[in-house]
Amino acid sequence: MASRGMSMDMLKDVILSLEPEDCFDGPEADRDVRFSDKWTVAEFSPTYRNEKLYLKMSMCIDAELAKCLSVKAYIERGQRQ
């Protein structure tokens, strides 16, 4: 994310401002059977500085805790890198 000029605080702001329409997959039970009974996963694609981001979020369903598994910036087809 640093290569895109994004600090941890900026990433935090993006995560905290996610909207339901940013979700493109899930929520669904974690595919790892060790965690599937307590964790649900959803994938989001918000826009940051005119680029789409890919965020995979894992949320514990029996606690008020969320953990971001990965954050990747990707460019949609037709956009320059």
Protein backbone atom coordinates (compact mmCIF):
# COMPACT_ATOMS: atom_id res chain seq x y z
CA MET A 1 0.00 0.00 0.00
CA ALA A 2 2.95 2.31 0.61
CA SER A 3 3.74 2.20 -3.12
CA ARG A 4 0.31 3.74 -3.67
CA GLY A 5 1.01 6.50 -1.13
CA MET A 6 -1.30 5.01 1.49
CA SER A 7 -0.40 5.17 5.18
CA MET A 8 -1.82 2.84 7.83
CA ASP A 9 -4.10 5.66 9.00
CA MET A 10 -5.43 6.10 5.45
CA LEU A 11 -6.03 2.36 5.18
CA LYS A 12 -7.85 2.43 8.51
CA ASP A 13 -10.07 5.24 7.20
CA VAL A 14 -10.88 3.21 4.06
CA ILE A 15 -11.78 0.15 6.15
CA LEU A 16 -13.93 2.14 8.57
CA SER A 17 -15.80 3.82 5.70
CA LEU A 18 -16.74 0.61 3.84
CA GLU A 19 -20.32 0.54 2.56
CA PRO A 20 -22.48 -2.55 1.88
CA GLU A 21 -22.20 -1.89 -1.86
CA ASP A 22 -18.39 -2.24 -1.57
CA CYS A 23 -18.85 -5.93 -0.74
CA PHE A 24 -18.58 -8.19 -3.79
CA ASP A 25 -18.25 -11.63 -2.16
CA GLY A 26 -19.58 -13.04 1.07
CA PRO A 27 -20.05 -12.92 3.87
CA GLU A 28 -19.52 -16.65 4.16
CA ALA A 29 -18.01 -19.05 6.67
CA ASP A 30 -14.21 -19.22 6.60
CA ARG A 31 -13.15 -21.97 4.17
CA ASP A 32 -10.53 -23.21 6.65
CA VAL A 33 -12.47 -25.80 8.65
CA ARG A 34 -10.47 -24.93 11.77
CA PHE A 35 -12.11 -21.48 11.77
CA SER A 36 -15.39 -21.96 9.93
CA ASP A 37 -17.55 -22.19 13.05
CA LYS A 38 -16.32 -18.86 14.48
CA TRP A 39 -15.15 -16.74 11.54
CA THR A 40 -16.90 -15.30 8.51
CA VAL A 41 -15.12 -13.80 5.51
CA ALA A 42 -16.20 -11.02 3.13
CA GLU A 43 -14.38 -9.34 0.24
CA PHE A 44 -14.66 -5.66 -0.55
CA SER A 45 -13.65 -3.44 -3.44
CA PRO A 46 -13.74 0.23 -2.40
CA THR A 47 -12.16 3.04 -4.42
CA TYR A 48 -9.16 4.96 -3.11
CA ARG A 49 -7.68 7.82 -5.14
CA ASN A 50 -9.50 6.60 -8.27
CA GLU A 51 -8.14 3.05 -7.93
CA LYS A 52 -10.03 -0.04 -6.85
CA LEU A 53 -8.69 -1.79 -3.76
CA TYR A 54 -9.19 -5.41 -2.83
CA LEU A 55 -9.79 -6.08 0.86
CA LYS A 56 -10.48 -9.47 2.38
CA MET A 57 -11.91 -9.15 5.86
CA SER A 58 -12.29 -11.94 8.40
CA MET A 59 -14.72 -11.30 11.23
CA CYS A 60 -15.17 -13.29 14.42
CA ILE A 61 -18.88 -13.99 14.83
CA ASP A 62 -18.85 -14.56 18.59
CA ALA A 63 -16.89 -11.44 19.59
CA GLU A 64 -16.76 -7.80 18.62
CA LEU A 65 -13.50 -8.24 16.77
CA ALA A 66 -12.55 -7.95 13.12
CA LYS A 67 -9.23 -8.77 11.53
CA CYS A 68 -8.13 -7.67 8.08
CA LEU A 69 -6.42 -10.64 6.41
CA SER A 70 -5.03 -8.87 3.37
CA VAL A 71 -5.17 -5.65 1.43
CA LYS A 72 -4.12 -5.44 -2.19
CA ALA A 73 -4.38 -2.64 -4.69
CA TYR A 74 -5.32 -3.71 -8.15
CA ILE A 75 -6.02 -1.82 -11.34
CA GLU A 76 -9.12 -2.61 -13.34
CA ARG A 77 -8.61 -3.55 -16.98
CA GLY A 78 -8.15 -0.53 -19.17
CA GLN A 79 -6.51 1.58 -16.46
CA ARG A 80 -2.81 2.39 -16.48
CA GLN A 81 -0.55 1.23 -13.67
